[in-house]
Amino acid sequence: MTSSPDRYVSTRGDTAPTDFAEALLRGMAPDGGLYMPTAWPTLGVDAWAPGRVYADMATQAMAPFIGDALPAGALDRALERLTAGFAPPEVTPLRRLEDGLYMLELFHGPTAAFKDLAMQLAAALSSEALQASGEQLTLVTATSGDTGAAAVAAFANTERVRLIVLHPHERVSPVQRRQMTTVDAPNVLNLAVRGDFDDCQRLVKGLLSDESLRAHGRFSSVNSINWARLAGQIPYYVSAVSQLAAMGEIRAPVFVVPTGNFGDAFAGIAARKMGLPVAGFVAAVNQNDALARAINDGVYARKAAVETASVSMDVQAPSNFERLVFEASGRDPAVTRTLFETFAAAGAVTLPPVLLAALRAQVSAVSVDEATTRSEIAHAYAAWGQVVCPHTAVALSAARGVDRALGPVIALSTAHPAKFGKDVAPVLGFAPDPPKVIRDLGDRAERFEVIAADAGAALAAVRGFS
């Protein structure tokens, strides 16, 4: 097979190559792996030229991954829908905080979180693919808060799509929960799982591997295990470099990414592989530090997730670490399959020295505790007048520790602070001013079902949804 950005293989090697539409609508490969493009396209230097429009940059970054798998004009229509939902003309504005330190705001969309950027695109592209094929699609997704809210906003009342969202019961912020559960749409089912995000993710993977659920139509996921989600995040890295150049900064930046499931960070790594000038990546995690321990200590080990203020990062088994391992291993499916099958069975695996060195060449990792997160929220307001959410605070804390001789440092700001007012207000002494999309939640009734963190309970709920 000729390698091409619009052809996809599984990280575990036992799935026939396919196109973008199949990777989009299936989500996870049949062999339990994740879809990856067989080659990285090359971005020309004009892609990040100063002053470029976001939609144009996104077209240049994403079109090679789609090829002719969707109807003509599908990506243009999807990007028109996306940009219409974001107020700033830059879509993802870059803010200068101080010399050499910047913040990329990704939260100006329909649910005030960065997930909107990829989810709105995934919804529009899925609709295009389903209309072309005449098929129905059931989507199931695990969320630690923002993914579910963005998915409900994107897919509610969509023809040909049913959406099932699993969130950890009483372990998401009230605003995140209400953004999922107050939307009155007959095609949406919200399940609150008595467990943590990793339990939700485990249940979703189990459902996706149950072929019986595909008997009445497509069955897939819009978690960041879906390649389309990651492809939709690549453009804002390109936009950040373009905006940095417009500010007169020509050096390649270091990106600091607050990390849960590692999809956001891997999208940046993909952008660098496409030619975007990047000096490095730092994955900033909270006390749920499985990724940091893997990169820093060489042992990938699962622990029970602990609840933190940065709830969307309360992840101890980040799915997209598999994509990073696949890439760092020289795209070796045998290495990838063995490592993650061992991890699934034993809960821990030691990374081979050669693989560990290759992983460290791609990304470094820093863990930020709760006290430091609170301190950083206070510092951001005192130093720069910025009210930030706990996830952004984790990124900023790590970013201030990066040597700026390496290049300018860009911390990703992933959610509006009003989504986490109960954590921000005690630090600052006032509640963040909510944007309209949060004020509009009002006092609408919530609709969700509480289930055990049990495969049988999840399967029964999905089969009972009609």
Protein backbone atom coordinates (compact mmCIF):
# COMPACT_ATOMS: atom_id res chain seq x y z
CA MET A 1 0.00 0.00 0.00
CA THR A 2 1.21 3.48 -0.89
CA SER A 3 1.44 5.67 2.21
CA SER A 4 -0.90 8.66 2.10
CA PRO A 5 -2.38 11.06 4.68
CA ASP A 6 -5.91 10.05 3.66
CA ARG A 7 -5.35 6.32 4.30
CA TYR A 8 -5.52 4.95 7.85
CA VAL A 9 -4.11 1.96 9.70
CA SER A 10 -4.51 0.73 13.25
CA THR A 11 -1.85 1.23 15.90
CA ARG A 12 -2.13 -2.52 16.56
CA GLY A 13 -1.66 -3.65 12.96
CA ASP A 14 -4.51 -6.12 12.50
CA THR A 15 -6.95 -3.93 10.57
CA ALA A 16 -7.08 -3.37 6.83
CA PRO A 17 -6.23 0.18 5.68
CA THR A 18 -9.25 2.44 5.26
CA ASP A 19 -10.23 6.00 4.38
CA PHE A 20 -11.15 9.06 6.43
CA ALA A 21 -14.90 8.44 6.35
CA GLU A 22 -14.50 4.95 7.82
CA ALA A 23 -12.05 6.17 10.48
CA LEU A 24 -14.47 8.98 11.34
CA LEU A 25 -17.60 6.85 11.56
CA ARG A 26 -15.99 3.83 13.21
CA GLY A 27 -13.85 5.70 15.75
CA MET A 28 -11.78 2.81 17.09
CA ALA A 29 -10.21 0.20 14.83
CA PRO A 30 -11.72 -3.34 14.92
CA ASP A 31 -8.53 -4.77 16.46
CA GLY A 32 -8.83 -2.46 19.47
CA GLY A 33 -6.21 -0.02 18.23
CA LEU A 34 -6.51 3.62 17.17
CA TYR A 35 -6.52 4.85 13.60
CA MET A 36 -3.47 6.75 12.35
CA PRO A 37 -2.76 8.26 8.92
CA THR A 38 -0.23 6.21 6.97
CA ALA A 39 1.81 9.37 6.26
CA TRP A 40 2.06 12.94 7.49
CA PRO A 41 1.29 15.66 4.93
CA THR A 42 3.66 18.61 4.63
CA LEU A 43 2.57 22.13 5.46
CA GLY A 44 4.17 24.86 3.39
CA VAL A 45 5.64 27.86 5.22
CA ASP A 46 2.71 29.93 3.93
CA ALA A 47 0.41 27.93 6.22
CA TRP A 48 1.41 29.98 9.28
CA ALA A 49 2.07 33.30 7.56
CA PRO A 50 0.97 36.31 9.64
CA GLY A 51 -2.59 37.50 9.07
CA ARG A 52 -4.04 34.28 7.69
CA VAL A 53 -7.71 33.51 8.33
CA TYR A 54 -8.38 30.55 10.65
CA ALA A 55 -10.60 28.71 8.16
CA ASP A 56 -7.90 28.93 5.47
CA MET A 57 -5.25 27.55 7.82
CA ALA A 58 -7.60 24.77 8.90
CA THR A 59 -8.35 23.84 5.29
CA GLN A 60 -4.66 23.59 4.48
CA ALA A 61 -4.00 21.48 7.60
CA MET A 62 -6.99 19.14 7.37
CA ALA A 63 -7.79 18.61 3.69
CA PRO A 64 -4.93 16.13 3.10
CA PHE A 65 -6.33 13.85 5.81
CA ILE A 66 -9.75 13.72 4.13
CA GLY A 67 -8.86 13.31 0.47
CA ASP A 68 -11.96 12.42 -1.55
CA ALA A 69 -13.63 10.40 1.23
CA LEU A 70 -16.37 13.01 1.82
CA PRO A 71 -18.65 14.95 -0.56
CA ALA A 72 -17.10 17.93 -2.31
CA GLY A 73 -17.15 21.03 -0.13
CA ALA A 74 -17.74 19.09 3.10
CA LEU A 75 -14.75 20.59 4.91
CA ASP A 76 -15.61 24.13 3.77
CA ARG A 77 -19.15 23.75 5.12
CA ALA A 78 -17.87 22.28 8.38
CA LEU A 79 -15.43 25.15 8.88
CA GLU A 80 -18.14 27.71 8.13
CA ARG A 81 -20.24 26.15 10.90
CA LEU A 82 -17.27 26.11 13.27
CA THR A 83 -16.15 29.70 12.84
CA ALA A 84 -19.74 30.99 13.07
CA GLY A 85 -19.83 29.72 16.65
CA PHE A 86 -16.73 31.64 17.80
CA ALA A 87 -16.85 35.38 18.49
CA PRO A 88 -13.17 36.41 18.11
CA PRO A 89 -12.04 36.88 14.50
CA GLU A 90 -8.92 34.81 15.29
CA VAL A 91 -11.20 32.04 16.69
CA THR A 92 -8.38 31.09 19.11
CA PRO A 93 -6.74 34.40 20.13
CA LEU A 94 -3.16 34.46 21.42
CA ARG A 95 -2.59 36.72 24.44
CA ARG A 96 0.83 38.04 25.47
CA LEU A 97 1.25 37.80 29.24
CA GLU A 98 4.86 38.96 29.59
CA ASP A 99 8.12 38.75 27.66
CA GLY A 100 8.35 35.29 26.15
CA LEU A 101 5.12 33.98 27.71
CA TYR A 102 1.78 33.71 25.90
CA MET A 103 -1.62 32.14 26.45
CA LEU A 104 -3.70 30.61 23.62
CA GLU A 105 -7.40 30.98 24.40
CA LEU A 106 -9.39 28.03 23.09
CA PHE A 107 -12.67 28.55 24.97
CA HIS A 108 -14.69 31.04 22.92
CA GLY A 109 -17.12 28.48 21.45
CA PRO A 110 -20.61 27.10 22.22
CA THR A 111 -19.67 25.41 25.53
CA ALA A 112 -16.75 27.66 26.56
CA ALA A 113 -14.13 24.91 26.28
CA PHE A 114 -11.53 23.85 23.74
CA LYS A 115 -13.41 20.66 22.90
CA ASP A 116 -15.79 22.73 20.76
CA LEU A 117 -13.11 23.31 18.14
CA ALA A 118 -12.84 19.66 17.13
CA MET A 119 -16.34 18.54 18.10
CA GLN A 120 -18.17 21.03 15.90
CA LEU A 121 -16.03 19.87 12.97
CA ALA A 122 -16.55 16.18 13.79
CA ALA A 123 -20.33 16.67 13.93
CA ALA A 124 -20.49 18.48 10.62
CA LEU A 125 -18.20 16.00 8.85
CA SER A 126 -20.11 13.03 10.30
CA SER A 127 -23.37 14.44 8.98
CA GLU A 128 -21.83 14.82 5.54
CA ALA A 129 -20.58 11.22 5.58
CA LEU A 130 -23.91 9.82 6.81
CA GLN A 131 -25.95 11.75 4.27
CA ALA A 132 -23.70 10.39 1.52
CA SER A 133 -24.01 6.79 2.74
CA GLY A 134 -27.61 6.87 3.97
CA GLU A 135 -26.54 5.25 7.26
CA GLN A 136 -27.52 5.78 10.90
CA LEU A 137 -24.90 6.31 13.61
CA THR A 138 -24.90 5.73 17.34
CA LEU A 139 -22.12 7.57 19.15
CA VAL A 140 -20.91 6.74 22.63
CA THR A 141 -18.40 8.89 24.45
CA ALA A 142 -16.72 9.05 27.85
CA THR A 143 -16.16 12.45 29.36
CA SER A 144 -14.47 14.04 32.32
CA GLY A 145 -16.67 17.06 31.65
CA ASP A 146 -15.91 19.16 28.59
CA THR A 147 -16.00 16.46 25.89
CA GLY A 148 -19.55 15.48 26.82
CA ALA A 149 -20.78 19.06 26.90
CA ALA A 150 -19.20 19.79 23.52
CA ALA A 151 -20.61 16.57 22.04
CA VAL A 152 -24.14 17.34 23.22
CA ALA A 153 -23.91 20.89 21.84
CA ALA A 154 -22.62 19.58 18.50
CA PHE A 155 -24.85 16.53 17.97
CA ALA A 156 -28.15 17.36 19.73
CA ASN A 157 -31.13 16.99 17.37
CA THR A 158 -28.86 15.84 14.54
CA GLU A 159 -30.52 13.61 11.97
CA ARG A 160 -29.10 10.09 11.63
CA VAL A 161 -27.16 10.35 14.93
CA ARG A 162 -27.88 9.10 18.46
CA LEU A 163 -25.49 10.23 21.20
CA ILE A 164 -24.77 8.46 24.50
CA VAL A 165 -22.53 10.29 26.99
CA LEU A 166 -20.96 8.64 30.05
CA HIS A 167 -19.65 10.96 32.77
CA PRO A 168 -18.34 10.13 36.27
CA HIS A 169 -21.19 10.71 38.72
CA GLU A 170 -20.59 13.76 40.94
CA ARG A 171 -17.06 14.18 39.56
CA VAL A 172 -17.62 16.89 36.96
CA SER A 173 -18.26 20.55 37.67
CA PRO A 174 -21.92 21.64 38.03
CA VAL A 175 -21.66 23.77 34.88
CA GLN A 176 -20.13 20.90 32.88
CA ARG A 177 -22.88 18.55 34.06
CA ARG A 178 -25.69 20.98 33.30
CA GLN A 179 -24.31 21.68 29.82
CA MET A 180 -24.81 17.96 29.14
CA THR A 181 -27.99 17.20 31.03
CA THR A 182 -30.24 20.23 30.41
CA VAL A 183 -30.27 19.91 26.62
CA ASP A 184 -33.71 18.58 25.67
CA ALA A 185 -32.90 16.42 22.64
CA PRO A 186 -34.51 13.01 21.99
CA ASN A 187 -31.32 11.70 20.36
CA VAL A 188 -29.17 12.24 23.50
CA LEU A 189 -28.79 9.91 26.51
CA ASN A 190 -26.70 10.99 29.52
CA LEU A 191 -25.34 8.27 31.81
CA ALA A 192 -23.73 9.15 35.15
CA VAL A 193 -21.33 6.34 36.08
CA ARG A 194 -20.55 5.56 39.72
CA GLY A 195 -16.79 5.71 39.22
CA ASP A 196 -14.11 7.88 37.66
CA PHE A 197 -13.33 8.91 34.08
CA ASP A 198 -11.15 5.86 33.51
CA ASP A 199 -14.17 3.69 34.38
CA CYS A 200 -16.22 5.60 31.80
CA GLN A 201 -13.48 5.21 29.20
CA ARG A 202 -13.19 1.48 29.95
CA LEU A 203 -16.94 1.04 29.48
CA VAL A 204 -16.87 2.93 26.18
CA LYS A 205 -14.03 0.78 24.84
CA GLY A 206 -15.96 -2.33 25.85
CA LEU A 207 -19.08 -1.11 24.07
CA LEU A 208 -17.12 -0.28 20.95
CA SER A 209 -15.70 -3.80 20.85
CA ASP A 210 -19.19 -5.38 21.07
CA GLU A 211 -19.99 -6.15 17.43
CA SER A 212 -23.65 -6.90 18.26
CA LEU A 213 -24.25 -3.19 18.79
CA ARG A 214 -23.47 -2.60 15.11
CA ALA A 215 -26.35 -4.77 13.95
CA HIS A 216 -28.72 -1.82 13.46
CA GLY A 217 -26.27 0.76 12.13
CA ARG A 218 -22.93 2.37 12.74
CA PHE A 219 -21.61 2.40 16.30
CA SER A 220 -18.70 4.68 17.11
CA SER A 221 -17.20 7.24 19.50
CA VAL A 222 -16.34 10.93 19.47
CA ASN A 223 -13.77 10.69 22.24
CA SER A 224 -10.28 11.74 21.18
CA ILE A 225 -9.75 8.11 20.21
CA ASN A 226 -11.48 9.29 17.02
CA TRP A 227 -8.84 10.57 14.59
CA ALA A 228 -11.19 13.29 13.27
CA ARG A 229 -11.15 14.91 16.72
CA LEU A 230 -7.37 15.18 16.67
CA ALA A 231 -7.29 16.40 13.08
CA GLY A 232 -9.66 19.19 14.11
CA GLN A 233 -7.24 20.33 16.82
CA ILE A 234 -4.19 20.67 14.56
CA PRO A 235 -5.31 24.04 13.08
CA TYR A 236 -5.09 26.01 16.31
CA TYR A 237 -1.42 25.15 16.67
CA VAL A 238 -0.89 26.54 13.18
CA SER A 239 -2.92 29.63 14.10
CA ALA A 240 -0.83 30.15 17.26
CA VAL A 241 2.41 30.23 15.25
CA SER A 242 0.80 32.58 12.72
CA GLN A 243 -0.33 34.97 15.47
CA LEU A 244 3.08 34.77 17.14
CA ALA A 245 4.71 35.77 13.85
CA ALA A 246 2.29 38.68 13.54
CA MET A 247 3.55 39.89 16.95
CA GLY A 248 7.07 39.92 15.56
CA GLU A 249 8.27 36.69 17.18
CA ILE A 250 10.01 34.48 14.61
CA ARG A 251 11.43 31.81 16.93
CA ALA A 252 9.70 28.43 17.16
CA PRO A 253 7.61 28.18 20.35
CA VAL A 254 7.39 25.65 23.14
CA PHE A 255 3.78 24.59 23.72
CA VAL A 256 2.62 23.69 27.23
CA VAL A 257 -0.56 21.62 27.06
CA PRO A 258 -2.80 20.81 30.05
CA THR A 259 -3.30 17.12 29.51
CA GLY A 260 -5.93 14.53 30.34
CA ASN A 261 -6.43 12.01 27.55
CA PHE A 262 -3.39 13.39 25.64
CA GLY A 263 -5.36 14.07 22.44
CA ASP A 264 -4.74 17.82 22.55
CA ALA A 265 -1.00 17.33 22.97
CA PHE A 266 -0.79 14.69 20.26
CA ALA A 267 -2.54 17.03 17.81
CA GLY A 268 0.31 19.46 18.38
CA ILE A 269 2.89 16.73 17.88
CA ALA A 270 1.14 15.88 14.60
CA ALA A 271 1.37 19.53 13.54
CA ARG A 272 5.13 19.47 14.18
CA LYS A 273 5.46 16.30 12.11
CA MET A 274 3.71 18.17 9.31
CA GLY A 275 6.41 20.85 9.39
CA LEU A 276 5.08 23.43 11.86
CA PRO A 277 8.06 25.07 13.61
CA VAL A 278 7.84 23.96 17.26
CA ALA A 279 10.70 23.92 19.76
CA GLY A 280 9.08 21.43 22.09
CA PHE A 281 6.01 20.17 23.94
CA VAL A 282 5.36 19.95 27.66
CA ALA A 283 2.43 17.86 28.87
CA ALA A 284 1.20 19.46 32.09
CA VAL A 285 -0.82 17.03 34.22
CA ASN A 286 -2.41 17.36 37.64
CA GLN A 287 -2.01 14.86 40.48
CA ASN A 288 -3.33 12.16 38.15
CA ASP A 289 0.19 11.71 36.87
CA ALA A 290 0.34 8.38 35.00
CA LEU A 291 1.63 10.10 31.87
CA ALA A 292 4.28 12.08 33.78
CA ARG A 293 5.45 8.96 35.58
CA ALA A 294 5.68 7.10 32.27
CA ILE A 295 7.78 9.82 30.63
CA ASN A 296 9.91 10.66 33.67
CA ASP A 297 10.30 7.24 35.35
CA GLY A 298 9.81 4.82 32.45
CA VAL A 299 6.93 2.91 34.03
CA TYR A 300 3.38 3.28 32.73
CA ALA A 301 1.23 2.27 35.69
CA ARG A 302 -2.44 2.72 36.38
CA LYS A 303 -3.70 4.11 39.70
CA ALA A 304 -7.17 5.10 40.82
CA ALA A 305 -7.87 8.65 39.68
CA VAL A 306 -8.09 11.25 42.42
CA GLU A 307 -10.52 14.15 42.22
CA THR A 308 -8.93 17.55 41.57
CA ALA A 309 -10.06 21.06 40.67
CA SER A 310 -8.91 20.42 37.09
CA VAL A 311 -11.47 17.62 36.73
CA SER A 312 -11.15 17.27 32.96
CA MET A 313 -7.60 16.04 33.53
CA ASP A 314 -8.48 13.40 36.15
CA VAL A 315 -7.24 10.61 33.88
CA GLN A 316 -4.85 7.78 34.75
CA ALA A 317 -4.98 5.84 31.46
CA PRO A 318 -4.76 8.42 28.64
CA SER A 319 -5.94 6.79 25.42
CA ASN A 320 -3.79 8.83 23.07
CA PHE A 321 -0.61 7.71 24.75
CA GLU A 322 -1.04 4.73 22.42
CA ARG A 323 -0.69 6.98 19.38
CA LEU A 324 2.46 8.50 20.84
CA VAL A 325 3.95 5.05 21.51
CA PHE A 326 3.08 3.94 17.97
CA GLU A 327 4.81 6.96 16.47
CA ALA A 328 7.83 6.84 18.82
CA SER A 329 8.34 3.12 18.17
CA GLY A 330 8.83 3.78 14.47
CA ARG A 331 5.18 2.87 13.83
CA ASP A 332 5.71 -0.67 15.08
CA PRO A 333 2.27 -2.24 15.69
CA ALA A 334 3.73 -5.29 17.44
CA VAL A 335 5.49 -3.14 20.04
CA THR A 336 2.37 -1.01 20.50
CA ARG A 337 -0.03 -3.95 20.77
CA THR A 338 2.16 -5.83 23.25
CA LEU A 339 2.68 -2.80 25.47
CA PHE A 340 -1.00 -1.89 25.75
CA GLU A 341 -2.25 -5.44 26.05
CA THR A 342 0.21 -5.90 28.93
CA PHE A 343 -0.94 -2.64 30.50
CA ALA A 344 -4.60 -3.66 30.18
CA ALA A 345 -3.95 -7.03 31.79
CA ALA A 346 -1.44 -6.11 34.48
CA GLY A 347 -2.07 -2.42 35.10
CA ALA A 348 1.61 -1.57 34.62
CA VAL A 349 4.34 -1.94 32.04
CA THR A 350 8.01 -0.91 31.94
CA LEU A 351 8.92 1.05 28.82
CA PRO A 352 11.96 -0.30 26.91
CA PRO A 353 14.91 2.15 27.06
CA VAL A 354 14.97 2.82 23.31
CA LEU A 355 11.23 3.53 23.28
CA LEU A 356 11.48 5.73 26.37
CA ALA A 357 14.21 7.84 24.78
CA ALA A 358 12.07 8.27 21.66
CA LEU A 359 9.07 9.31 23.76
CA ARG A 360 11.14 11.88 25.63
CA ALA A 361 12.29 13.31 22.31
CA GLN A 362 8.63 14.03 21.51
CA VAL A 363 7.39 15.46 24.81
CA SER A 364 8.33 16.18 28.41
CA ALA A 365 5.87 16.03 31.29
CA VAL A 366 5.27 17.92 34.54
CA SER A 367 2.83 17.14 37.35
CA VAL A 368 1.25 20.07 39.22
CA ASP A 369 -0.39 19.55 42.61
CA GLU A 370 -3.54 21.21 43.96
CA ALA A 371 -1.79 23.77 46.15
CA THR A 372 0.32 24.93 43.20
CA THR A 373 -2.77 25.09 41.00
CA ARG A 374 -4.50 27.42 43.47
CA SER A 375 -1.35 29.50 43.77
CA GLU A 376 -1.15 29.86 39.99
CA ILE A 377 -4.78 31.02 39.77
CA ALA A 378 -3.86 33.78 42.24
CA HIS A 379 -0.63 34.61 40.40
CA ALA A 380 -2.36 34.91 37.01
CA TYR A 381 -4.75 37.50 38.39
CA ALA A 382 -2.15 39.42 40.39
CA ALA A 383 0.50 39.49 37.65
CA TRP A 384 -1.53 39.79 34.47
CA GLY A 385 -5.15 40.49 35.47
CA GLN A 386 -6.17 37.14 34.01
CA VAL A 387 -8.87 34.99 35.63
CA VAL A 388 -8.08 31.42 34.60
CA CYS A 389 -9.60 27.99 35.12
CA PRO A 390 -7.71 25.30 37.09
CA HIS A 391 -6.66 23.48 33.90
CA THR A 392 -5.13 26.65 32.50
CA ALA A 393 -3.46 27.26 35.86
CA VAL A 394 -1.78 23.83 35.62
CA ALA A 395 -0.45 24.78 32.18
CA LEU A 396 0.72 28.22 33.31
CA SER A 397 2.54 26.79 36.32
CA ALA A 398 4.44 24.39 34.06
CA ALA A 399 4.99 27.11 31.45
CA ARG A 400 6.65 29.47 33.90
CA GLY A 401 9.19 26.74 34.59
CA VAL A 402 10.24 26.39 30.95
CA ASP A 403 13.56 27.95 29.92
CA ARG A 404 12.59 30.74 27.53
CA ALA A 405 15.98 30.51 25.87
CA LEU A 406 14.42 27.54 24.06
CA GLY A 407 11.87 29.85 22.47
CA PRO A 408 8.70 31.73 23.39
CA VAL A 409 6.38 29.66 25.59
CA ILE A 410 2.68 29.25 24.77
CA ALA A 411 0.36 27.82 27.43
CA LEU A 412 -2.98 26.50 26.19
CA SER A 413 -6.02 27.89 28.00
CA THR A 414 -8.67 25.24 27.61
CA ALA A 415 -11.81 26.43 29.41
CA HIS A 416 -13.54 29.58 30.59
CA PRO A 417 -12.99 30.05 34.35
CA ALA A 418 -16.73 30.38 34.98
CA LYS A 419 -17.10 26.67 34.28
CA PHE A 420 -15.11 26.10 37.47
CA GLY A 421 -16.29 28.98 39.61
CA LYS A 422 -16.48 26.88 42.78
CA ASP A 423 -12.70 26.37 42.58
CA VAL A 424 -11.70 29.81 41.30
CA ALA A 425 -13.89 31.98 43.55
CA PRO A 426 -12.36 30.88 46.90
CA VAL A 427 -8.89 31.78 45.59
CA LEU A 428 -9.73 35.18 44.13
CA GLY A 429 -12.56 36.21 46.44
CA PHE A 430 -15.05 36.67 43.60
CA ALA A 431 -16.81 34.47 41.09
CA PRO A 432 -15.72 34.64 37.43
CA ASP A 433 -18.17 36.51 35.23
CA PRO A 434 -19.93 33.82 33.15
CA PRO A 435 -20.20 34.17 29.37
CA LYS A 436 -23.61 34.11 27.70
CA VAL A 437 -23.41 30.39 26.89
CA ILE A 438 -23.25 29.64 30.63
CA ARG A 439 -25.80 32.26 31.70
CA ASP A 440 -28.26 30.77 29.22
CA LEU A 441 -28.29 27.46 31.11
CA GLY A 442 -30.71 29.06 33.55
CA ASP A 443 -32.64 26.63 35.73
CA ARG A 444 -33.65 24.11 33.10
CA ALA A 445 -34.42 20.57 34.28
CA GLU A 446 -31.70 17.93 34.04
CA ARG A 447 -32.07 14.50 32.43
CA PHE A 448 -29.63 11.68 33.20
CA GLU A 449 -29.53 8.09 34.42
CA VAL A 450 -27.13 6.85 37.11
CA ILE A 451 -25.53 3.45 36.45
CA ALA A 452 -22.87 1.26 38.07
CA ALA A 453 -19.35 1.16 36.62
CA ASP A 454 -20.25 -2.22 35.17
CA ALA A 455 -20.11 -3.44 31.57
CA GLY A 456 -23.51 -5.12 31.89
CA ALA A 457 -25.15 -1.96 33.17
CA ALA A 458 -23.69 0.10 30.35
CA LEU A 459 -24.74 -2.41 27.72
CA ALA A 460 -28.29 -2.56 29.09
CA ALA A 461 -28.58 1.22 29.06
CA VAL A 462 -27.35 1.46 25.48
CA ARG A 463 -29.65 -1.31 24.26
CA GLY A 464 -32.59 0.31 26.02
CA PHE A 465 -32.06 3.71 24.37
CA SER A 466 -34.39 4.25 21.47
